[in-house]
Amino acid sequence: MNIIIATIKEWHIENAKRFQETYAGSYNVELITNPKELTEQWVMKTNPDWVFFPHWSWKIPASIYLAYRCVVFHITDLPYGRGGSPLQNLIVRGRQETKISAIRVVEEMDAGPIYLKKPLSLLGTAEEIFRRASYIIFQEMIPMIIQNPIIPKEQEGEPTYFKRRTQAQSSIEECQTLDKLYDHIRMLDGEGYPPAFLETEEFIFEFTRASLKTGFIQADVKIKKKTEQEGERM
């Protein structure tokens, strides 16, 4: 069996390599970590039985998802929460738990039939949550999909949609309580995400590693001199 895993995040790459080693005697597993590598020609040469996308922000060509079984993983209980920034949108709405949905890729984003779902806790920083999700995807979900004849089922119910968050929304200015501020910092504390920030006329304060205490929040703060470019985008 030939398998392609396409992902860009460190935690998924680490688990994908472990997956390669674990199943080296059973499956031929190829890893893509650069969007430019995902071409019709390269995929055709590999001739995969499955193509998995644990974290992928680029449009998958129809020539690939129509010819091969392509599966994406979305951390909402679909059809609830289709769209961008699912983790941040869930935490903003006060959710403490969600589900990882493994769905077949179709033309409409996050609308494909579902192979299976697994529960996921939303406690901790964004990176901690993503690492937890990655473990579930590689240790439980992918093995279940490739080892069992699962027929994906169409999504049921009225879909709801999330909008991808902008960098400007990382500002902490609108946080009115310590709980909201803590959630705001932790939900952005992960590789590739613009950290929670506060800006003055001259400086930008970026917050990570937040810990909610009784009556206060303890966090790491990086202070940067604001550049002209940063002043324009905020």
C-alpha atoms as a PDB file:
ATOM      1  CA  MET A   1       0.000   0.000   0.000  1.00  0.00           C
ATOM      2  CA  ASN A   2       1.286   3.446  -0.950  1.00  0.00           C
ATOM      3  CA  ILE A   3       0.515   6.377   1.353  1.00  0.00           C
ATOM      4  CA  ILE A   4       1.286  10.079   1.031  1.00  0.00           C
ATOM      5  CA  ILE A   5       1.222  12.362   4.067  1.00  0.00           C
ATOM      6  CA  ALA A   6       1.240  16.103   3.301  1.00  0.00           C
ATOM      7  CA  THR A   7       1.758  18.501   6.187  1.00  0.00           C
ATOM      8  CA  ILE A   8       3.787  21.558   7.163  1.00  0.00           C
ATOM      9  CA  LYS A   9       3.648  21.641  10.966  1.00  0.00           C
ATOM     10  CA  GLU A  10       6.538  20.423  13.095  1.00  0.00           C
ATOM     11  CA  TRP A  11       4.422  18.200  15.333  1.00  0.00           C
ATOM     12  CA  HIS A  12       2.794  16.463  12.341  1.00  0.00           C
ATOM     13  CA  ILE A  13       6.134  16.001  10.590  1.00  0.00           C
ATOM     14  CA  GLU A  14       7.581  14.357  13.711  1.00  0.00           C
ATOM     15  CA  ASN A  15       4.635  11.962  13.974  1.00  0.00           C
ATOM     16  CA  ALA A  16       4.639  11.284  10.234  1.00  0.00           C
ATOM     17  CA  LYS A  17       8.265  10.156  10.453  1.00  0.00           C
ATOM     18  CA  ARG A  18       7.421   7.883  13.387  1.00  0.00           C
ATOM     19  CA  PHE A  19       4.531   6.520  11.330  1.00  0.00           C
ATOM     20  CA  GLN A  20       6.947   5.799   8.467  1.00  0.00           C
ATOM     21  CA  GLU A  21       9.250   3.886  10.802  1.00  0.00           C
ATOM     22  CA  THR A  22       6.448   1.984  12.538  1.00  0.00           C
ATOM     23  CA  TYR A  23       4.868   0.769   9.297  1.00  0.00           C
ATOM     24  CA  ALA A  24       8.027   0.506   7.170  1.00  0.00           C
ATOM     25  CA  GLY A  25       7.488  -3.224   6.649  1.00  0.00           C
ATOM     26  CA  SER A  26       3.830  -2.860   5.690  1.00  0.00           C
ATOM     27  CA  TYR A  27       3.351   0.401   3.793  1.00  0.00           C
ATOM     28  CA  ASN A  28       5.349   2.686   1.543  1.00  0.00           C
ATOM     29  CA  VAL A  29       4.885   6.108   3.188  1.00  0.00           C
ATOM     30  CA  GLU A  30       5.979   9.291   1.392  1.00  0.00           C
ATOM     31  CA  LEU A  31       6.093  12.636   3.208  1.00  0.00           C
ATOM     32  CA  ILE A  32       5.457  16.059   1.633  1.00  0.00           C
ATOM     33  CA  THR A  33       6.361  19.162   3.667  1.00  0.00           C
ATOM     34  CA  ASN A  34       6.387  21.750   0.890  1.00  0.00           C
ATOM     35  CA  PRO A  35       3.191  22.777  -0.942  1.00  0.00           C
ATOM     36  CA  LYS A  36       5.145  23.072  -4.216  1.00  0.00           C
ATOM     37  CA  GLU A  37       5.861  19.340  -4.073  1.00  0.00           C
ATOM     38  CA  LEU A  38       2.180  18.426  -4.262  1.00  0.00           C
ATOM     39  CA  THR A  39       1.889  18.150  -8.028  1.00  0.00           C
ATOM     40  CA  GLU A  40      -0.246  15.878 -10.154  1.00  0.00           C
ATOM     41  CA  GLN A  41       2.875  14.429 -11.766  1.00  0.00           C
ATOM     42  CA  TRP A  42       4.552  13.572  -8.459  1.00  0.00           C
ATOM     43  CA  VAL A  43       1.402  12.047  -6.984  1.00  0.00           C
ATOM     44  CA  MET A  44       0.797  10.042 -10.139  1.00  0.00           C
ATOM     45  CA  LYS A  45       4.337   8.659  -9.944  1.00  0.00           C
ATOM     46  CA  THR A  46       3.771   7.580  -6.314  1.00  0.00           C
ATOM     47  CA  ASN A  47       0.312   6.173  -7.184  1.00  0.00           C
ATOM     48  CA  PRO A  48      -1.023   6.367  -3.616  1.00  0.00           C
ATOM     49  CA  ASP A  49      -3.854   4.360  -2.151  1.00  0.00           C
ATOM     50  CA  TRP A  50      -4.340   7.190   0.367  1.00  0.00           C
ATOM     51  CA  VAL A  51      -3.272  10.829   0.651  1.00  0.00           C
ATOM     52  CA  PHE A  52      -3.593  12.313   4.138  1.00  0.00           C
ATOM     53  CA  PHE A  53      -3.522  16.035   4.968  1.00  0.00           C
ATOM     54  CA  PRO A  54      -3.144  16.471   8.760  1.00  0.00           C
ATOM     55  CA  HIS A  55      -2.595  20.239   8.440  1.00  0.00           C
ATOM     56  CA  TRP A  56      -2.807  21.849   5.016  1.00  0.00           C
ATOM     57  CA  SER A  57      -3.825  25.418   4.192  1.00  0.00           C
ATOM     58  CA  TRP A  58      -3.591  25.249   0.404  1.00  0.00           C
ATOM     59  CA  LYS A  59      -6.159  24.275  -2.183  1.00  0.00           C
ATOM     60  CA  ILE A  60      -5.780  20.655  -3.230  1.00  0.00           C
ATOM     61  CA  PRO A  61      -5.980  20.282  -7.039  1.00  0.00           C
ATOM     62  CA  ALA A  62      -9.113  18.561  -8.304  1.00  0.00           C
ATOM     63  CA  SER A  63      -6.921  16.361 -10.509  1.00  0.00           C
ATOM     64  CA  ILE A  64      -5.537  14.856  -7.299  1.00  0.00           C
ATOM     65  CA  TYR A  65      -8.597  14.540  -5.049  1.00  0.00           C
ATOM     66  CA  LEU A  66     -10.754  13.172  -7.872  1.00  0.00           C
ATOM     67  CA  ALA A  67      -8.198  10.511  -8.802  1.00  0.00           C
ATOM     68  CA  TYR A  68      -7.067   9.438  -5.312  1.00  0.00           C
ATOM     69  CA  ARG A  69      -8.586   9.018  -1.865  1.00  0.00           C
ATOM     70  CA  CYS A  70      -7.599  12.249  -0.137  1.00  0.00           C
ATOM     71  CA  VAL A  71      -8.419  12.795   3.545  1.00  0.00           C
ATOM     72  CA  VAL A  72      -8.196  16.020   5.542  1.00  0.00           C
ATOM     73  CA  PHE A  73      -8.526  16.396   9.301  1.00  0.00           C
ATOM     74  CA  HIS A  74     -10.611  19.260  10.673  1.00  0.00           C
ATOM     75  CA  ILE A  75     -10.858  19.939  14.401  1.00  0.00           C
ATOM     76  CA  THR A  76     -14.576  20.595  14.635  1.00  0.00           C
ATOM     77  CA  ASP A  77     -17.576  18.300  14.867  1.00  0.00           C
ATOM     78  CA  LEU A  78     -18.572  18.772  11.235  1.00  0.00           C
ATOM     79  CA  PRO A  79     -20.756  20.119   9.744  1.00  0.00           C
ATOM     80  CA  TYR A  80     -20.372  22.566  12.643  1.00  0.00           C
ATOM     81  CA  GLY A  81     -17.450  24.926  12.162  1.00  0.00           C
ATOM     82  CA  ARG A  82     -16.480  24.606   8.531  1.00  0.00           C
ATOM     83  CA  GLY A  83     -13.878  27.155   7.470  1.00  0.00           C
ATOM     84  CA  GLY A  84     -10.732  28.790   8.797  1.00  0.00           C
ATOM     85  CA  SER A  85      -9.079  29.097  12.215  1.00  0.00           C
ATOM     86  CA  PRO A  86     -11.208  26.340  13.779  1.00  0.00           C
ATOM     87  CA  LEU A  87      -9.207  26.082  17.024  1.00  0.00           C
ATOM     88  CA  GLN A  88      -9.320  29.810  17.740  1.00  0.00           C
ATOM     89  CA  ASN A  89     -12.981  30.088  16.761  1.00  0.00           C
ATOM     90  CA  LEU A  90     -13.896  27.239  19.094  1.00  0.00           C
ATOM     91  CA  ILE A  91     -12.035  28.704  22.076  1.00  0.00           C
ATOM     92  CA  VAL A  92     -13.487  32.182  21.463  1.00  0.00           C
ATOM     93  CA  ARG A  93     -16.916  30.548  21.717  1.00  0.00           C
ATOM     94  CA  GLY A  94     -16.051  28.992  25.068  1.00  0.00           C
ATOM     95  CA  ARG A  95     -15.709  25.402  23.866  1.00  0.00           C
ATOM     96  CA  GLN A  96     -13.571  23.098  26.030  1.00  0.00           C
ATOM     97  CA  GLU A  97     -13.913  19.984  23.869  1.00  0.00           C
ATOM     98  CA  THR A  98     -14.331  19.252  20.180  1.00  0.00           C
ATOM     99  CA  LYS A  99     -13.943  16.405  17.717  1.00  0.00           C
ATOM    100  CA  ILE A 100     -11.422  15.757  14.987  1.00  0.00           C
ATOM    101  CA  SER A 101     -13.296  14.959  11.791  1.00  0.00           C
ATOM    102  CA  ALA A 102     -11.543  12.909   9.110  1.00  0.00           C
ATOM    103  CA  ILE A 103     -13.228  13.750   5.818  1.00  0.00           C
ATOM    104  CA  ARG A 104     -12.740  12.962   2.167  1.00  0.00           C
ATOM    105  CA  VAL A 105     -11.670  15.952   0.089  1.00  0.00           C
ATOM    106  CA  VAL A 106     -14.319  17.394  -2.234  1.00  0.00           C
ATOM    107  CA  GLU A 107     -14.609  20.675  -4.105  1.00  0.00           C
ATOM    108  CA  GLU A 108     -16.331  22.551  -1.253  1.00  0.00           C
ATOM    109  CA  MET A 109     -14.084  23.169   1.730  1.00  0.00           C
ATOM    110  CA  ASP A 110     -14.714  20.899   4.748  1.00  0.00           C
ATOM    111  CA  ALA A 111     -17.886  19.517   3.147  1.00  0.00           C
ATOM    112  CA  GLY A 112     -16.768  15.991   2.264  1.00  0.00           C
ATOM    113  CA  PRO A 113     -18.168  12.751   3.656  1.00  0.00           C
ATOM    114  CA  ILE A 114     -16.827  11.704   7.057  1.00  0.00           C
ATOM    115  CA  TYR A 115     -14.739   8.584   7.707  1.00  0.00           C
ATOM    116  CA  LEU A 116     -14.673   8.927  11.470  1.00  0.00           C
ATOM    117  CA  LYS A 117     -14.444  11.375  14.372  1.00  0.00           C
ATOM    118  CA  LYS A 118     -12.390  11.368  17.584  1.00  0.00           C
ATOM    119  CA  PRO A 119     -12.825  13.573  20.685  1.00  0.00           C
ATOM    120  CA  LEU A 120     -10.223  16.242  21.440  1.00  0.00           C
ATOM    121  CA  SER A 121      -9.721  18.353  24.575  1.00  0.00           C
ATOM    122  CA  LEU A 122      -9.206  22.081  24.030  1.00  0.00           C
ATOM    123  CA  LEU A 123      -7.288  22.647  27.264  1.00  0.00           C
ATOM    124  CA  GLY A 124      -3.775  24.100  27.084  1.00  0.00           C
ATOM    125  CA  THR A 125      -1.947  26.225  24.523  1.00  0.00           C
ATOM    126  CA  ALA A 126      -2.598  26.033  20.798  1.00  0.00           C
ATOM    127  CA  GLU A 127       0.587  24.023  20.325  1.00  0.00           C
ATOM    128  CA  GLU A 128      -0.325  21.599  23.114  1.00  0.00           C
ATOM    129  CA  ILE A 129      -3.750  21.073  21.547  1.00  0.00           C
ATOM    130  CA  PHE A 130      -2.302  20.562  18.074  1.00  0.00           C
ATOM    131  CA  ARG A 131       0.255  18.080  19.385  1.00  0.00           C
ATOM    132  CA  ARG A 132      -2.530  16.206  21.163  1.00  0.00           C
ATOM    133  CA  ALA A 133      -4.546  16.172  17.944  1.00  0.00           C
ATOM    134  CA  SER A 134      -1.524  14.994  15.949  1.00  0.00           C
ATOM    135  CA  TYR A 135      -1.034  12.031  18.259  1.00  0.00           C
ATOM    136  CA  ILE A 136      -4.688  11.023  17.825  1.00  0.00           C
ATOM    137  CA  ILE A 137      -4.499  11.423  14.038  1.00  0.00           C
ATOM    138  CA  PHE A 138      -1.369   9.300  13.588  1.00  0.00           C
ATOM    139  CA  GLN A 139      -1.849   6.769  16.373  1.00  0.00           C
ATOM    140  CA  GLU A 140      -5.579   6.179  16.006  1.00  0.00           C
ATOM    141  CA  MET A 141      -7.300   7.719  13.019  1.00  0.00           C
ATOM    142  CA  ILE A 142      -4.994   7.000  10.094  1.00  0.00           C
ATOM    143  CA  PRO A 143      -4.436   3.350  11.156  1.00  0.00           C
ATOM    144  CA  MET A 144      -8.206   2.865  11.529  1.00  0.00           C
ATOM    145  CA  ILE A 145      -8.876   4.309   8.080  1.00  0.00           C
ATOM    146  CA  ILE A 146      -6.263   2.277   6.206  1.00  0.00           C
ATOM    147  CA  GLN A 147      -6.852  -0.985   8.087  1.00  0.00           C
ATOM    148  CA  ASN A 148     -10.665  -1.061   7.999  1.00  0.00           C
ATOM    149  CA  PRO A 149     -13.140  -0.872   5.115  1.00  0.00           C
ATOM    150  CA  ILE A 150     -14.734   2.389   6.298  1.00  0.00           C
ATOM    151  CA  ILE A 151     -17.272   3.904   3.921  1.00  0.00           C
ATOM    152  CA  PRO A 152     -17.423   7.671   4.527  1.00  0.00           C
ATOM    153  CA  LYS A 153     -20.870   9.048   5.330  1.00  0.00           C
ATOM    154  CA  GLU A 154     -22.270  12.336   4.095  1.00  0.00           C
ATOM    155  CA  GLN A 155     -22.414  15.092   6.690  1.00  0.00           C
ATOM    156  CA  GLU A 156     -25.768  15.485   8.410  1.00  0.00           C
ATOM    157  CA  GLY A 157     -27.355  18.681   9.671  1.00  0.00           C
ATOM    158  CA  GLU A 158     -27.166  22.351   8.799  1.00  0.00           C
ATOM    159  CA  PRO A 159     -23.551  23.498   8.369  1.00  0.00           C
ATOM    160  CA  THR A 160     -22.160  26.468  10.259  1.00  0.00           C
ATOM    161  CA  TYR A 161     -19.104  28.392   9.121  1.00  0.00           C
ATOM    162  CA  PHE A 162     -16.068  30.012  10.711  1.00  0.00           C
ATOM    163  CA  LYS A 163     -14.142  32.921   9.228  1.00  0.00           C
ATOM    164  CA  ARG A 164     -10.360  32.795   9.149  1.00  0.00           C
ATOM    165  CA  ARG A 165      -9.003  35.165  11.764  1.00  0.00           C
ATOM    166  CA  THR A 166      -6.761  38.064  10.809  1.00  0.00           C
ATOM    167  CA  GLN A 167      -3.534  39.133  12.457  1.00  0.00           C
ATOM    168  CA  ALA A 168      -5.200  42.293  13.763  1.00  0.00           C
ATOM    169  CA  GLN A 169      -7.593  40.092  15.767  1.00  0.00           C
ATOM    170  CA  SER A 170      -4.644  38.896  17.857  1.00  0.00           C
ATOM    171  CA  SER A 171      -4.757  42.203  19.762  1.00  0.00           C
ATOM    172  CA  ILE A 172      -5.788  41.809  23.406  1.00  0.00           C
ATOM    173  CA  GLU A 173      -7.490  45.208  23.568  1.00  0.00           C
ATOM    174  CA  GLU A 174     -11.026  43.822  23.574  1.00  0.00           C
ATOM    175  CA  CYS A 175     -10.452  41.202  26.297  1.00  0.00           C
ATOM    176  CA  GLN A 176     -12.522  42.278  29.307  1.00  0.00           C
ATOM    177  CA  THR A 177     -11.856  39.484  31.839  1.00  0.00           C
ATOM    178  CA  LEU A 178      -8.841  37.466  32.951  1.00  0.00           C
ATOM    179  CA  ASP A 179     -10.468  34.261  31.682  1.00  0.00           C
ATOM    180  CA  LYS A 180     -11.014  35.769  28.230  1.00  0.00           C
ATOM    181  CA  LEU A 181      -7.500  37.169  28.154  1.00  0.00           C
ATOM    182  CA  TYR A 182      -5.995  33.829  29.171  1.00  0.00           C
ATOM    183  CA  ASP A 183      -7.938  32.024  26.447  1.00  0.00           C
ATOM    184  CA  HIS A 184      -6.901  34.670  23.928  1.00  0.00           C
ATOM    185  CA  ILE A 185      -3.203  34.230  24.684  1.00  0.00           C
ATOM    186  CA  ARG A 186      -3.204  30.431  24.765  1.00  0.00           C
ATOM    187  CA  MET A 187      -5.263  29.940  21.605  1.00  0.00           C
ATOM    188  CA  LEU A 188      -2.591  31.818  19.611  1.00  0.00           C
ATOM    189  CA  ASP A 189       0.408  30.238  21.311  1.00  0.00           C
ATOM    190  CA  GLY A 190       1.614  27.866  18.617  1.00  0.00           C
ATOM    191  CA  GLU A 191       3.935  27.551  15.639  1.00  0.00           C
ATOM    192  CA  GLY A 192       2.893  29.732  12.725  1.00  0.00           C
ATOM    193  CA  TYR A 193       0.252  31.781  14.570  1.00  0.00           C
ATOM    194  CA  PRO A 194       0.499  35.532  15.277  1.00  0.00           C
ATOM    195  CA  PRO A 195       0.790  35.778  19.076  1.00  0.00           C
ATOM    196  CA  ALA A 196      -1.523  37.808  21.254  1.00  0.00           C
ATOM    197  CA  PHE A 197      -0.232  41.353  21.391  1.00  0.00           C
ATOM    198  CA  LEU A 198      -0.698  44.821  22.800  1.00  0.00           C
ATOM    199  CA  GLU A 199       0.704  47.853  21.039  1.00  0.00           C
ATOM    200  CA  THR A 200       1.644  51.357  22.045  1.00  0.00           C
ATOM    201  CA  GLU A 201       2.806  54.164  19.824  1.00  0.00           C
ATOM    202  CA  GLU A 202       6.371  52.867  19.911  1.00  0.00           C
ATOM    203  CA  PHE A 203       6.288  49.200  20.996  1.00  0.00           C
ATOM    204  CA  ILE A 204       4.564  45.866  20.461  1.00  0.00           C
ATOM    205  CA  PHE A 205       4.185  43.501  23.423  1.00  0.00           C
ATOM    206  CA  GLU A 206       3.701  39.830  22.436  1.00  0.00           C
ATOM    207  CA  PHE A 207       2.373  37.332  25.005  1.00  0.00           C
ATOM    208  CA  THR A 208       3.010  33.575  25.221  1.00  0.00           C
ATOM    209  CA  ARG A 209       3.162  30.765  27.825  1.00  0.00           C
ATOM    210  CA  ALA A 210       0.243  32.144  29.814  1.00  0.00           C
ATOM    211  CA  SER A 211      -0.741  30.616  33.148  1.00  0.00           C
ATOM    212  CA  LEU A 212      -4.020  31.564  34.843  1.00  0.00           C
ATOM    213  CA  LYS A 213      -3.524  32.166  38.565  1.00  0.00           C
ATOM    214  CA  THR A 214      -5.889  33.359  41.279  1.00  0.00           C
ATOM    215  CA  GLY A 215      -6.482  36.980  40.419  1.00  0.00           C
ATOM    216  CA  PHE A 216      -3.795  37.363  37.751  1.00  0.00           C
ATOM    217  CA  ILE A 217      -2.154  35.892  34.649  1.00  0.00           C
ATOM    218  CA  GLN A 218       1.516  35.049  34.449  1.00  0.00           C
ATOM    219  CA  ALA A 219       2.991  35.031  30.939  1.00  0.00           C
ATOM    220  CA  ASP A 220       6.144  35.517  28.914  1.00  0.00           C
ATOM    221  CA  VAL A 221       6.332  38.865  27.131  1.00  0.00           C
ATOM    222  CA  LYS A 222       8.451  39.813  24.115  1.00  0.00           C
ATOM    223  CA  ILE A 223       8.784  43.579  23.601  1.00  0.00           C
ATOM    224  CA  LYS A 224       9.633  44.833  20.125  1.00  0.00           C
ATOM    225  CA  LYS A 225      10.192  48.268  18.679  1.00  0.00           C
ATOM    226  CA  LYS A 226       7.366  48.870  16.224  1.00  0.00           C
ATOM    227  CA  THR A 227       8.475  49.088  12.623  1.00  0.00           C
ATOM    228  CA  GLU A 228       6.728  51.107   9.952  1.00  0.00           C
ATOM    229  CA  GLN A 229       5.434  47.917   8.323  1.00  0.00           C
ATOM    230  CA  GLU A 230       3.998  46.618  11.604  1.00  0.00           C
ATOM    231  CA  GLY A 231       2.389  49.974  12.246  1.00  0.00           C
ATOM    232  CA  GLU A 232       0.557  49.741   8.912  1.00  0.00           C
ATOM    233  CA  ARG A 233      -0.773  46.211   9.365  1.00  0.00           C
ATOM    234  CA  MET A 234      -2.110  46.663  12.887  1.00  0.00           C
END
